[in-house]
Amino acid sequence: MIGKLKGKVDAIGESHLVIDVNGVGYEVQASTKTLRNLKVGDDVALTIDTHVREDAIRLFGFQSEFERSWFRTLQTIQGVGAKVALSVLGVMAPQDLANAVAFGNWAAVEEAPGVGKKLAQRIVLELKDKAPALSLGGHNIPAGGAGMAAPGPSMPPSSLAFAEALSALTNLGYNPAQANAAVAVASQELGDAADTAALIKRSLKELAR
């Protein structure tokens, strides 16, 4: 399996690019967002997801491992194949998609070509339990809330307080996505200087609305 390709952009098509790696050209499917950021002759390094079928081997390229994780997770949802997953990632960065899932904003997902209202709603609903990570307010928090690992000592104070507040709320029985959204609102309102207690207090007010 090919996990990464590094070389020069040899050609760019409507939905793919060709990467020249030491004289060998690899055709890689990519999102419109990725393709827009590249031009022929650019040095490029993409994380690759390899799909092997009886009649073809298809390569899908991503700007990060995190984006590839979303691509794979999207395809676990009924009605979402590689084409639709790339379409979603073409209009939404991984963090934007994570925020849409956390806030239940299916309308943002519906903006992707080929995604109707019902499919967008299904994506948002099912991803709440499957998402690689929920990222709100600039903080990356593992999905699932209560089951997340304890923050490391190198985590910035603002991120540490965010994670501790989220953990406290989920331990109180709040839905992880709702708790995540409430802490994000509190964090944005109180700023990076807010401690855990202040975030929890403000988040509880938000959840009580």
N, C-alpha and C. Protein backbone atom coordinates (compact mmCIF):
# COMPACT_ATOMS: atom_id res chain seq x y z
N MET A 1 0.83 -1.20 0.00
CA MET A 1 0.00 0.00 0.00
C MET A 1 0.87 1.26 0.00
N ILE A 2 0.43 2.26 -0.72
CA ILE A 2 1.14 3.54 -0.74
C ILE A 2 0.52 4.44 0.33
N GLY A 3 1.35 4.95 1.24
CA GLY A 3 0.85 5.79 2.33
C GLY A 3 1.19 7.26 2.17
N LYS A 4 2.19 7.55 1.32
CA LYS A 4 2.59 8.95 1.12
C LYS A 4 3.33 9.07 -0.20
N LEU A 5 3.12 10.20 -0.88
CA LEU A 5 3.86 10.49 -2.11
C LEU A 5 4.46 11.89 -2.00
N LYS A 6 5.72 11.99 -2.40
CA LYS A 6 6.41 13.27 -2.37
C LYS A 6 7.13 13.46 -3.70
N GLY A 7 6.83 14.56 -4.37
CA GLY A 7 7.45 14.81 -5.66
C GLY A 7 7.04 16.16 -6.20
N LYS A 8 6.90 16.26 -7.53
CA LYS A 8 6.49 17.51 -8.17
C LYS A 8 5.16 17.31 -8.90
N VAL A 9 4.35 18.35 -8.90
CA VAL A 9 3.07 18.29 -9.61
C VAL A 9 3.36 18.35 -11.11
N ASP A 10 2.97 17.29 -11.81
CA ASP A 10 3.23 17.19 -13.25
C ASP A 10 2.03 17.65 -14.06
N ALA A 11 0.83 17.44 -13.52
CA ALA A 11 -0.40 17.84 -14.22
C ALA A 11 -1.53 17.93 -13.20
N ILE A 12 -2.52 18.76 -13.52
CA ILE A 12 -3.69 18.90 -12.66
C ILE A 12 -4.95 18.81 -13.51
N GLY A 13 -5.85 17.90 -13.13
CA GLY A 13 -7.11 17.75 -13.83
C GLY A 13 -8.26 18.29 -12.99
N GLU A 14 -9.47 18.00 -13.42
CA GLU A 14 -10.65 18.50 -12.71
C GLU A 14 -10.78 17.90 -11.32
N SER A 15 -10.41 16.63 -11.19
CA SER A 15 -10.56 15.96 -9.90
C SER A 15 -9.31 15.19 -9.47
N HIS A 16 -8.21 15.42 -10.18
CA HIS A 16 -6.99 14.68 -9.84
C HIS A 16 -5.75 15.49 -10.20
N LEU A 17 -4.62 15.00 -9.73
CA LEU A 17 -3.33 15.54 -10.14
C LEU A 17 -2.38 14.39 -10.41
N VAL A 18 -1.32 14.67 -11.14
CA VAL A 18 -0.28 13.67 -11.38
C VAL A 18 0.97 14.14 -10.65
N ILE A 19 1.50 13.27 -9.79
CA ILE A 19 2.70 13.59 -9.04
C ILE A 19 3.87 12.82 -9.63
N ASP A 20 4.89 13.54 -10.04
CA ASP A 20 6.10 12.93 -10.60
C ASP A 20 7.05 12.62 -9.45
N VAL A 21 7.25 11.32 -9.21
CA VAL A 21 8.17 10.88 -8.16
C VAL A 21 9.33 10.14 -8.83
N ASN A 22 10.45 10.84 -8.96
CA ASN A 22 11.65 10.26 -9.60
C ASN A 22 11.35 9.68 -10.98
N GLY A 23 10.57 10.42 -11.76
CA GLY A 23 10.29 10.01 -13.13
C GLY A 23 9.07 9.14 -13.31
N VAL A 24 8.44 8.74 -12.22
CA VAL A 24 7.22 7.93 -12.29
C VAL A 24 6.03 8.80 -11.92
N GLY A 25 5.02 8.84 -12.81
CA GLY A 25 3.85 9.68 -12.55
C GLY A 25 2.74 8.91 -11.87
N TYR A 26 2.29 9.40 -10.73
CA TYR A 26 1.19 8.78 -9.99
C TYR A 26 -0.05 9.66 -10.11
N GLU A 27 -1.15 9.09 -10.60
CA GLU A 27 -2.41 9.83 -10.69
C GLU A 27 -3.12 9.72 -9.34
N VAL A 28 -3.40 10.87 -8.75
CA VAL A 28 -3.97 10.92 -7.40
C VAL A 28 -5.27 11.72 -7.41
N GLN A 29 -6.34 11.12 -6.94
CA GLN A 29 -7.61 11.84 -6.78
C GLN A 29 -7.49 12.75 -5.55
N ALA A 30 -8.03 13.95 -5.65
CA ALA A 30 -7.94 14.89 -4.53
C ALA A 30 -9.15 15.81 -4.52
N SER A 31 -9.39 16.45 -3.39
CA SER A 31 -10.52 17.36 -3.28
C SER A 31 -10.24 18.65 -4.05
N THR A 32 -11.30 19.37 -4.38
CA THR A 32 -11.13 20.64 -5.09
C THR A 32 -10.33 21.62 -4.24
N LYS A 33 -10.48 21.55 -2.93
CA LYS A 33 -9.73 22.45 -2.04
C LYS A 33 -8.23 22.20 -2.16
N THR A 34 -7.84 20.92 -2.20
CA THR A 34 -6.43 20.57 -2.34
C THR A 34 -5.90 21.00 -3.71
N LEU A 35 -6.68 20.73 -4.75
CA LEU A 35 -6.24 21.04 -6.11
C LEU A 35 -6.08 22.55 -6.32
N ARG A 36 -6.95 23.33 -5.70
CA ARG A 36 -6.88 24.79 -5.86
C ARG A 36 -5.58 25.37 -5.29
N ASN A 37 -5.01 24.67 -4.32
CA ASN A 37 -3.80 25.17 -3.66
C ASN A 37 -2.52 24.75 -4.37
N LEU A 38 -2.65 24.06 -5.49
CA LEU A 38 -1.47 23.55 -6.19
C LEU A 38 -1.41 24.06 -7.62
N LYS A 39 -0.21 24.07 -8.17
CA LYS A 39 -0.03 24.38 -9.59
C LYS A 39 1.09 23.51 -10.14
N VAL A 40 1.11 23.34 -11.44
CA VAL A 40 2.12 22.50 -12.08
C VAL A 40 3.52 23.02 -11.75
N GLY A 41 4.38 22.10 -11.35
CA GLY A 41 5.75 22.46 -10.99
C GLY A 41 5.99 22.58 -9.50
N ASP A 42 4.89 22.64 -8.71
CA ASP A 42 5.03 22.75 -7.26
C ASP A 42 5.61 21.47 -6.66
N ASP A 43 6.41 21.64 -5.61
CA ASP A 43 6.79 20.49 -4.79
C ASP A 43 5.57 20.13 -3.95
N VAL A 44 5.30 18.85 -3.81
CA VAL A 44 4.11 18.44 -3.08
C VAL A 44 4.38 17.16 -2.31
N ALA A 45 3.75 17.05 -1.15
CA ALA A 45 3.80 15.82 -0.35
C ALA A 45 2.39 15.57 0.16
N LEU A 46 1.80 14.47 -0.25
CA LEU A 46 0.43 14.16 0.15
C LEU A 46 0.35 12.82 0.88
N THR A 47 -0.47 12.78 1.91
CA THR A 47 -0.80 11.52 2.57
C THR A 47 -1.77 10.78 1.66
N ILE A 48 -1.53 9.50 1.46
CA ILE A 48 -2.29 8.74 0.46
C ILE A 48 -3.17 7.66 1.10
N ASP A 49 -4.38 7.53 0.56
CA ASP A 49 -5.25 6.41 0.90
C ASP A 49 -5.39 5.57 -0.37
N THR A 50 -4.99 4.31 -0.31
CA THR A 50 -4.97 3.44 -1.48
C THR A 50 -6.19 2.53 -1.51
N HIS A 51 -6.94 2.57 -2.60
CA HIS A 51 -8.09 1.69 -2.78
C HIS A 51 -7.75 0.67 -3.86
N VAL A 52 -7.78 -0.60 -3.51
CA VAL A 52 -7.44 -1.66 -4.45
C VAL A 52 -8.70 -2.43 -4.83
N ARG A 53 -8.96 -2.50 -6.13
CA ARG A 53 -10.09 -3.27 -6.65
C ARG A 53 -9.57 -4.22 -7.73
N GLU A 54 -10.45 -5.12 -8.16
CA GLU A 54 -10.03 -6.09 -9.16
C GLU A 54 -9.59 -5.43 -10.46
N ASP A 55 -10.26 -4.33 -10.82
CA ASP A 55 -9.98 -3.70 -12.11
C ASP A 55 -9.15 -2.42 -12.02
N ALA A 56 -8.82 -1.99 -10.80
CA ALA A 56 -8.08 -0.72 -10.71
C ALA A 56 -7.50 -0.51 -9.31
N ILE A 57 -6.45 0.30 -9.27
CA ILE A 57 -5.89 0.78 -8.01
C ILE A 57 -6.03 2.29 -8.02
N ARG A 58 -6.74 2.84 -7.05
CA ARG A 58 -6.98 4.28 -7.02
C ARG A 58 -6.28 4.89 -5.81
N LEU A 59 -5.65 6.02 -6.04
CA LEU A 59 -4.94 6.74 -4.98
C LEU A 59 -5.68 8.03 -4.67
N PHE A 60 -5.89 8.30 -3.38
CA PHE A 60 -6.53 9.53 -2.94
C PHE A 60 -5.54 10.29 -2.07
N GLY A 61 -5.36 11.58 -2.38
CA GLY A 61 -4.34 12.36 -1.68
C GLY A 61 -4.92 13.41 -0.75
N PHE A 62 -4.23 13.61 0.39
CA PHE A 62 -4.70 14.55 1.41
C PHE A 62 -3.54 15.35 1.98
N GLN A 63 -3.86 16.54 2.45
CA GLN A 63 -2.82 17.44 2.96
C GLN A 63 -2.36 17.08 4.36
N SER A 64 -3.09 16.19 5.04
CA SER A 64 -2.70 15.78 6.39
C SER A 64 -3.29 14.42 6.71
N GLU A 65 -2.73 13.78 7.72
CA GLU A 65 -3.26 12.51 8.21
C GLU A 65 -4.66 12.70 8.77
N PHE A 66 -4.89 13.86 9.40
CA PHE A 66 -6.19 14.17 9.99
C PHE A 66 -7.27 14.21 8.91
N GLU A 67 -6.94 14.83 7.77
CA GLU A 67 -7.91 14.91 6.67
C GLU A 67 -8.20 13.52 6.12
N ARG A 68 -7.18 12.67 6.02
CA ARG A 68 -7.39 11.31 5.55
C ARG A 68 -8.29 10.53 6.51
N SER A 69 -8.13 10.77 7.80
CA SER A 69 -8.98 10.10 8.79
C SER A 69 -10.45 10.46 8.59
N TRP A 70 -10.70 11.73 8.29
CA TRP A 70 -12.08 12.16 8.01
C TRP A 70 -12.60 11.49 6.74
N PHE A 71 -11.76 11.40 5.73
CA PHE A 71 -12.14 10.75 4.47
C PHE A 71 -12.57 9.31 4.72
N ARG A 72 -11.79 8.60 5.51
CA ARG A 72 -12.11 7.21 5.81
C ARG A 72 -13.38 7.10 6.65
N THR A 73 -13.51 7.97 7.63
CA THR A 73 -14.66 7.92 8.53
C THR A 73 -15.95 8.26 7.79
N LEU A 74 -15.90 9.23 6.91
CA LEU A 74 -17.08 9.61 6.13
C LEU A 74 -17.63 8.41 5.36
N GLN A 75 -16.74 7.57 4.87
CA GLN A 75 -17.18 6.44 4.04
C GLN A 75 -17.80 5.30 4.84
N THR A 76 -17.78 5.39 6.16
CA THR A 76 -18.46 4.38 6.97
C THR A 76 -19.96 4.66 7.06
N ILE A 77 -20.37 5.81 6.54
CA ILE A 77 -21.78 6.21 6.58
C ILE A 77 -22.48 5.74 5.31
N GLN A 78 -23.66 5.16 5.47
CA GLN A 78 -24.42 4.67 4.32
C GLN A 78 -24.68 5.80 3.32
N GLY A 79 -24.39 5.53 2.06
CA GLY A 79 -24.62 6.52 1.02
C GLY A 79 -23.43 7.41 0.73
N VAL A 80 -22.35 7.22 1.48
CA VAL A 80 -21.15 8.04 1.28
C VAL A 80 -20.01 7.17 0.76
N GLY A 81 -19.62 7.42 -0.48
CA GLY A 81 -18.47 6.73 -1.05
C GLY A 81 -17.30 7.70 -1.15
N ALA A 82 -16.27 7.28 -1.85
CA ALA A 82 -15.07 8.11 -1.97
C ALA A 82 -15.38 9.45 -2.65
N LYS A 83 -16.23 9.42 -3.68
CA LYS A 83 -16.55 10.64 -4.42
C LYS A 83 -17.25 11.67 -3.53
N VAL A 84 -18.24 11.22 -2.76
CA VAL A 84 -18.96 12.14 -1.87
C VAL A 84 -18.06 12.62 -0.74
N ALA A 85 -17.25 11.72 -0.20
CA ALA A 85 -16.34 12.11 0.88
C ALA A 85 -15.38 13.20 0.42
N LEU A 86 -14.84 13.06 -0.79
CA LEU A 86 -13.96 14.09 -1.34
C LEU A 86 -14.72 15.39 -1.58
N SER A 87 -15.98 15.26 -1.99
CA SER A 87 -16.80 16.44 -2.24
C SER A 87 -17.00 17.25 -0.96
N VAL A 88 -17.27 16.54 0.14
CA VAL A 88 -17.45 17.21 1.44
C VAL A 88 -16.16 17.91 1.86
N LEU A 89 -15.04 17.21 1.73
CA LEU A 89 -13.75 17.78 2.13
C LEU A 89 -13.30 18.88 1.16
N GLY A 90 -13.95 18.94 0.01
CA GLY A 90 -13.62 19.99 -0.95
C GLY A 90 -14.22 21.34 -0.57
N VAL A 91 -15.28 21.32 0.23
CA VAL A 91 -15.92 22.57 0.64
C VAL A 91 -15.72 22.88 2.12
N MET A 92 -15.21 21.89 2.87
CA MET A 92 -15.02 22.09 4.30
C MET A 92 -13.66 21.54 4.74
N ALA A 93 -12.90 22.36 5.43
CA ALA A 93 -11.66 21.88 6.04
C ALA A 93 -12.04 20.92 7.17
N PRO A 94 -11.15 20.00 7.55
CA PRO A 94 -11.48 19.05 8.63
C PRO A 94 -12.01 19.72 9.89
N GLN A 95 -11.41 20.85 10.29
CA GLN A 95 -11.87 21.52 11.50
C GLN A 95 -13.28 22.07 11.31
N ASP A 96 -13.58 22.59 10.11
CA ASP A 96 -14.93 23.10 9.84
C ASP A 96 -15.95 21.97 9.88
N LEU A 97 -15.58 20.82 9.37
CA LEU A 97 -16.47 19.66 9.39
C LEU A 97 -16.70 19.20 10.83
N ALA A 98 -15.62 19.20 11.62
CA ALA A 98 -15.75 18.82 13.03
C ALA A 98 -16.69 19.76 13.77
N ASN A 99 -16.57 21.05 13.49
CA ASN A 99 -17.45 22.02 14.13
C ASN A 99 -18.90 21.82 13.70
N ALA A 100 -19.11 21.54 12.41
CA ALA A 100 -20.46 21.33 11.89
C ALA A 100 -21.10 20.12 12.57
N VAL A 101 -20.31 19.08 12.78
CA VAL A 101 -20.81 17.88 13.44
C VAL A 101 -21.18 18.19 14.90
N ALA A 102 -20.29 18.89 15.59
CA ALA A 102 -20.52 19.20 17.00
C ALA A 102 -21.76 20.07 17.20
N PHE A 103 -21.98 21.02 16.28
CA PHE A 103 -23.11 21.94 16.41
C PHE A 103 -24.36 21.44 15.69
N GLY A 104 -24.27 20.28 15.02
CA GLY A 104 -25.42 19.76 14.30
C GLY A 104 -25.76 20.59 13.07
N ASN A 105 -24.76 21.23 12.48
CA ASN A 105 -24.97 22.13 11.35
C ASN A 105 -24.94 21.35 10.03
N TRP A 106 -26.02 20.61 9.75
CA TRP A 106 -26.06 19.80 8.54
C TRP A 106 -26.14 20.67 7.28
N ALA A 107 -26.65 21.89 7.41
CA ALA A 107 -26.77 22.77 6.25
C ALA A 107 -25.41 23.08 5.63
N ALA A 108 -24.38 23.17 6.47
CA ALA A 108 -23.03 23.43 5.95
C ALA A 108 -22.53 22.24 5.14
N VAL A 109 -22.86 21.04 5.59
CA VAL A 109 -22.45 19.83 4.88
C VAL A 109 -23.21 19.70 3.56
N GLU A 110 -24.46 20.17 3.55
CA GLU A 110 -25.30 20.08 2.36
C GLU A 110 -24.75 20.90 1.20
N GLU A 111 -23.86 21.84 1.49
CA GLU A 111 -23.28 22.68 0.43
C GLU A 111 -22.35 21.89 -0.49
N ALA A 112 -21.93 20.71 -0.05
CA ALA A 112 -21.04 19.90 -0.89
C ALA A 112 -21.81 19.35 -2.08
N PRO A 113 -21.27 19.44 -3.29
CA PRO A 113 -21.94 18.89 -4.47
C PRO A 113 -22.24 17.40 -4.30
N GLY A 114 -23.46 17.00 -4.63
CA GLY A 114 -23.84 15.60 -4.52
C GLY A 114 -24.38 15.21 -3.17
N VAL A 115 -24.48 16.16 -2.25
CA VAL A 115 -24.99 15.87 -0.90
C VAL A 115 -26.33 16.58 -0.71
N GLY A 116 -27.39 15.79 -0.56
CA GLY A 116 -28.71 16.36 -0.33
C GLY A 116 -28.98 16.53 1.15
N LYS A 117 -30.16 17.05 1.46
CA LYS A 117 -30.52 17.34 2.85
C LYS A 117 -30.49 16.10 3.73
N LYS A 118 -31.12 15.02 3.27
CA LYS A 118 -31.21 13.81 4.09
C LYS A 118 -29.83 13.21 4.34
N LEU A 119 -28.99 13.20 3.31
CA LEU A 119 -27.65 12.64 3.49
C LEU A 119 -26.82 13.53 4.41
N ALA A 120 -26.96 14.84 4.28
CA ALA A 120 -26.22 15.76 5.14
C ALA A 120 -26.62 15.55 6.60
N GLN A 121 -27.91 15.37 6.85
CA GLN A 121 -28.39 15.13 8.21
C GLN A 121 -27.85 13.82 8.76
N ARG A 122 -27.81 12.79 7.90
CA ARG A 122 -27.30 11.49 8.33
C ARG A 122 -25.81 11.58 8.65
N ILE A 123 -25.07 12.32 7.83
CA ILE A 123 -23.63 12.48 8.06
C ILE A 123 -23.38 13.12 9.42
N VAL A 124 -24.06 14.21 9.69
CA VAL A 124 -23.86 14.93 10.96
C VAL A 124 -24.26 14.07 12.15
N LEU A 125 -25.39 13.37 12.03
CA LEU A 125 -25.88 12.55 13.13
C LEU A 125 -24.92 11.40 13.44
N GLU A 126 -24.50 10.68 12.41
CA GLU A 126 -23.67 9.50 12.63
C GLU A 126 -22.23 9.85 12.98
N LEU A 127 -21.75 10.99 12.49
CA LEU A 127 -20.37 11.37 12.77
C LEU A 127 -20.15 11.79 14.22
N LYS A 128 -21.22 12.11 14.93
CA LYS A 128 -21.06 12.52 16.33
C LYS A 128 -20.41 11.42 17.15
N ASP A 129 -20.64 10.18 16.75
CA ASP A 129 -20.04 9.05 17.47
C ASP A 129 -18.82 8.48 16.77
N LYS A 130 -18.61 8.88 15.51
CA LYS A 130 -17.52 8.29 14.74
C LYS A 130 -16.38 9.24 14.43
N ALA A 131 -16.58 10.53 14.66
CA ALA A 131 -15.61 11.53 14.22
C ALA A 131 -14.22 11.27 14.79
N PRO A 132 -13.16 11.43 13.96
CA PRO A 132 -11.79 11.26 14.45
C PRO A 132 -11.48 12.22 15.59
N ALA A 133 -12.00 13.42 15.52
CA ALA A 133 -11.82 14.40 16.60
C ALA A 133 -12.79 15.54 16.39
N LEU A 134 -13.24 16.12 17.49
CA LEU A 134 -14.06 17.32 17.40
C LEU A 134 -13.17 18.49 17.72
N SER A 135 -13.18 19.49 16.87
CA SER A 135 -12.29 20.63 17.05
C SER A 135 -13.10 21.90 17.11
N LEU A 136 -13.11 22.52 18.26
CA LEU A 136 -13.89 23.73 18.46
C LEU A 136 -13.04 24.81 19.10
N GLY A 137 -13.21 26.01 18.64
CA GLY A 137 -12.49 27.12 19.23
C GLY A 137 -10.98 26.96 19.16
N GLY A 138 -10.50 26.22 18.16
CA GLY A 138 -9.07 26.05 18.01
C GLY A 138 -8.50 24.94 18.87
N HIS A 139 -9.36 24.18 19.57
CA HIS A 139 -8.90 23.10 20.43
C HIS A 139 -9.30 21.77 19.80
N ASN A 140 -8.38 20.83 19.71
CA ASN A 140 -8.69 19.51 19.20
C ASN A 140 -8.98 18.59 20.38
N ILE A 141 -10.23 18.14 20.48
CA ILE A 141 -10.64 17.30 21.60
C ILE A 141 -11.13 15.98 21.06
N PRO A 142 -10.60 14.84 21.53
CA PRO A 142 -11.05 13.55 21.02
C PRO A 142 -12.54 13.38 21.19
N ALA A 143 -13.19 12.78 20.18
CA ALA A 143 -14.62 12.53 20.28
C ALA A 143 -14.89 11.54 21.38
N GLY A 144 -16.05 11.65 22.01
CA GLY A 144 -16.41 10.71 23.06
C GLY A 144 -16.33 11.30 24.43
N GLY A 145 -15.61 12.42 24.58
CA GLY A 145 -15.60 13.16 25.83
C GLY A 145 -15.03 12.39 26.99
N ALA A 146 -15.88 11.64 27.71
CA ALA A 146 -15.48 11.02 28.95
C ALA A 146 -14.38 10.00 28.77
N GLY A 147 -14.27 9.43 27.58
CA GLY A 147 -13.26 8.40 27.37
C GLY A 147 -11.94 8.94 26.89
N MET A 148 -11.78 10.25 26.85
CA MET A 148 -10.56 10.80 26.28
C MET A 148 -9.40 10.68 27.25
N ALA A 149 -8.20 10.71 26.67
CA ALA A 149 -7.00 10.62 27.49
C ALA A 149 -6.80 11.91 28.26
N ALA A 150 -6.12 11.82 29.39
CA ALA A 150 -5.85 13.01 30.19
C ALA A 150 -4.90 13.92 29.45
N PRO A 151 -5.08 15.26 29.52
CA PRO A 151 -4.21 16.19 28.84
C PRO A 151 -2.77 16.04 29.32
N GLY A 152 -1.84 16.19 28.41
CA GLY A 152 -0.44 16.07 28.77
C GLY A 152 0.08 17.34 29.41
N PRO A 153 1.22 17.27 30.10
CA PRO A 153 1.77 18.43 30.79
C PRO A 153 2.20 19.54 29.85
N SER A 154 2.42 19.21 28.55
CA SER A 154 2.87 20.22 27.61
C SER A 154 1.72 20.99 26.98
N MET A 155 0.48 20.60 27.29
CA MET A 155 -0.67 21.27 26.70
C MET A 155 -0.77 22.70 27.21
N PRO A 156 -1.02 23.69 26.32
CA PRO A 156 -1.16 25.08 26.74
C PRO A 156 -2.26 25.21 27.78
N PRO A 157 -2.14 26.19 28.72
CA PRO A 157 -3.14 26.36 29.78
C PRO A 157 -4.56 26.47 29.26
N SER A 158 -4.78 27.23 28.17
CA SER A 158 -6.13 27.40 27.65
C SER A 158 -6.70 26.07 27.16
N SER A 159 -5.87 25.26 26.49
CA SER A 159 -6.32 23.96 26.01
C SER A 159 -6.55 23.00 27.17
N LEU A 160 -5.71 23.09 28.19
CA LEU A 160 -5.86 22.24 29.36
C LEU A 160 -7.18 22.53 30.06
N ALA A 161 -7.49 23.82 30.25
CA ALA A 161 -8.74 24.20 30.90
C ALA A 161 -9.93 23.75 30.06
N PHE A 162 -9.82 23.90 28.75
CA PHE A 162 -10.89 23.48 27.83
C PHE A 162 -11.15 21.98 27.98
N ALA A 163 -10.07 21.19 27.96
CA ALA A 163 -10.20 19.74 28.05
C ALA A 163 -10.76 19.31 29.41
N GLU A 164 -10.30 19.97 30.48
CA GLU A 164 -10.78 19.61 31.82
C GLU A 164 -12.26 19.96 31.98
N ALA A 165 -12.66 21.11 31.43
CA ALA A 165 -14.07 21.51 31.52
C ALA A 165 -14.94 20.54 30.73
N LEU A 166 -14.48 20.16 29.55
CA LEU A 166 -15.24 19.21 28.73
C LEU A 166 -15.37 17.86 29.44
N SER A 167 -14.28 17.40 30.03
CA SER A 167 -14.30 16.13 30.75
C SER A 167 -15.27 16.18 31.93
N ALA A 168 -15.27 17.30 32.65
CA ALA A 168 -16.15 17.45 33.80
C ALA A 168 -17.62 17.40 33.38
N LEU A 169 -17.95 18.07 32.30
CA LEU A 169 -19.34 18.12 31.84
C LEU A 169 -19.81 16.76 31.34
N THR A 170 -18.95 16.05 30.62
CA THR A 170 -19.35 14.73 30.14
C THR A 170 -19.48 13.75 31.30
N ASN A 171 -18.65 13.92 32.32
CA ASN A 171 -18.77 13.07 33.51
C ASN A 171 -20.05 13.35 34.28
N LEU A 172 -20.59 14.56 34.10
CA LEU A 172 -21.87 14.90 34.73
C LEU A 172 -23.05 14.35 33.94
N GLY A 173 -22.76 13.77 32.78
CA GLY A 173 -23.81 13.12 32.00
C GLY A 173 -24.26 13.88 30.77
N TYR A 174 -23.62 15.01 30.48
CA TYR A 174 -24.01 15.76 29.29
C TYR A 174 -23.51 15.07 28.03
N ASN A 175 -24.28 15.19 26.95
CA ASN A 175 -23.88 14.66 25.66
C ASN A 175 -22.55 15.30 25.24
N PRO A 176 -21.56 14.51 24.79
CA PRO A 176 -20.25 15.06 24.44
C PRO A 176 -20.31 16.21 23.44
N ALA A 177 -21.16 16.08 22.42
CA ALA A 177 -21.24 17.14 21.41
C ALA A 177 -21.82 18.42 22.01
N GLN A 178 -22.86 18.28 22.85
CA GLN A 178 -23.45 19.46 23.49
C GLN A 178 -22.46 20.10 24.45
N ALA A 179 -21.76 19.27 25.21
CA ALA A 179 -20.77 19.79 26.15
C ALA A 179 -19.66 20.51 25.40
N ASN A 180 -19.22 19.92 24.30
CA ASN A 180 -18.16 20.51 23.48
C ASN A 180 -18.57 21.89 22.98
N ALA A 181 -19.81 21.98 22.49
CA ALA A 181 -20.31 23.24 21.96
C ALA A 181 -20.40 24.29 23.07
N ALA A 182 -20.87 23.88 24.25
CA ALA A 182 -21.03 24.82 25.36
C ALA A 182 -19.67 25.35 25.83
N VAL A 183 -18.69 24.46 25.93
CA VAL A 183 -17.35 24.89 26.37
C VAL A 183 -16.72 25.80 25.32
N ALA A 184 -17.00 25.53 24.05
CA ALA A 184 -16.47 26.39 22.99
C ALA A 184 -17.02 27.81 23.11
N VAL A 185 -18.33 27.91 23.39
CA VAL A 185 -18.95 29.23 23.57
C VAL A 185 -18.32 29.93 24.77
N ALA A 186 -18.17 29.19 25.87
CA ALA A 186 -17.59 29.77 27.08
C ALA A 186 -16.15 30.23 26.84
N SER A 187 -15.39 29.41 26.13
CA SER A 187 -13.99 29.74 25.86
C SER A 187 -13.87 30.99 25.00
N GLN A 188 -14.72 31.09 23.99
CA GLN A 188 -14.69 32.26 23.12
C GLN A 188 -15.10 33.53 23.88
N GLU A 189 -16.04 33.38 24.80
CA GLU A 189 -16.54 34.54 25.55
C GLU A 189 -15.57 34.99 26.63
N LEU A 190 -14.96 34.03 27.33
CA LEU A 190 -14.10 34.35 28.47
C LEU A 190 -12.64 34.56 28.09
N GLY A 191 -12.24 34.01 26.94
CA GLY A 191 -10.87 34.19 26.49
C GLY A 191 -9.92 33.12 27.02
N ASP A 192 -8.67 33.17 26.55
CA ASP A 192 -7.68 32.16 26.90
C ASP A 192 -7.28 32.17 28.37
N ALA A 193 -7.54 33.29 29.06
CA ALA A 193 -7.13 33.39 30.46
C ALA A 193 -8.09 32.66 31.41
N ALA A 194 -9.24 32.23 30.91
CA ALA A 194 -10.24 31.58 31.76
C ALA A 194 -9.72 30.26 32.31
N ASP A 195 -9.96 30.02 33.61
CA ASP A 195 -9.54 28.75 34.19
C ASP A 195 -10.67 27.73 34.06
N THR A 196 -10.40 26.52 34.51
CA THR A 196 -11.36 25.42 34.35
C THR A 196 -12.69 25.73 35.04
N ALA A 197 -12.63 26.24 36.27
CA ALA A 197 -13.85 26.51 37.03
C ALA A 197 -14.73 27.53 36.32
N ALA A 198 -14.10 28.58 35.78
CA ALA A 198 -14.86 29.61 35.08
C ALA A 198 -15.51 29.05 33.82
N LEU A 199 -14.78 28.21 33.10
CA LEU A 199 -15.33 27.60 31.89
C LEU A 199 -16.51 26.69 32.22
N ILE A 200 -16.38 25.92 33.28
CA ILE A 200 -17.47 25.01 33.66
C ILE A 200 -18.71 25.82 34.05
N LYS A 201 -18.52 26.86 34.85
CA LYS A 201 -19.65 27.67 35.30
C LYS A 201 -20.38 28.31 34.12
N ARG A 202 -19.61 28.88 33.19
CA ARG A 202 -20.23 29.52 32.03
C ARG A 202 -20.86 28.48 31.11
N SER A 203 -20.24 27.33 30.98
CA SER A 203 -20.77 26.26 30.12
C SER A 203 -22.10 25.74 30.65
N LEU A 204 -22.20 25.61 31.97
CA LEU A 204 -23.45 25.13 32.57
C LEU A 204 -24.59 26.11 32.30
N LYS A 205 -24.28 27.40 32.31
CA LYS A 205 -25.31 28.40 31.99
C LYS A 205 -25.75 28.24 30.54
N GLU A 206 -24.79 27.97 29.67
CA GLU A 206 -25.09 27.78 28.25
C GLU A 206 -25.96 26.54 28.04
N LEU A 207 -25.65 25.48 28.76
CA LEU A 207 -26.40 24.23 28.63
C LEU A 207 -27.81 24.34 29.21
N ALA A 208 -27.99 25.27 30.14
CA ALA A 208 -29.29 25.44 30.79
C ALA A 208 -30.25 26.29 29.97
N ARG A 209 -29.74 26.91 28.91
CA ARG A 209 -30.57 27.80 28.10
C ARG A 209 -31.62 27.02 27.32
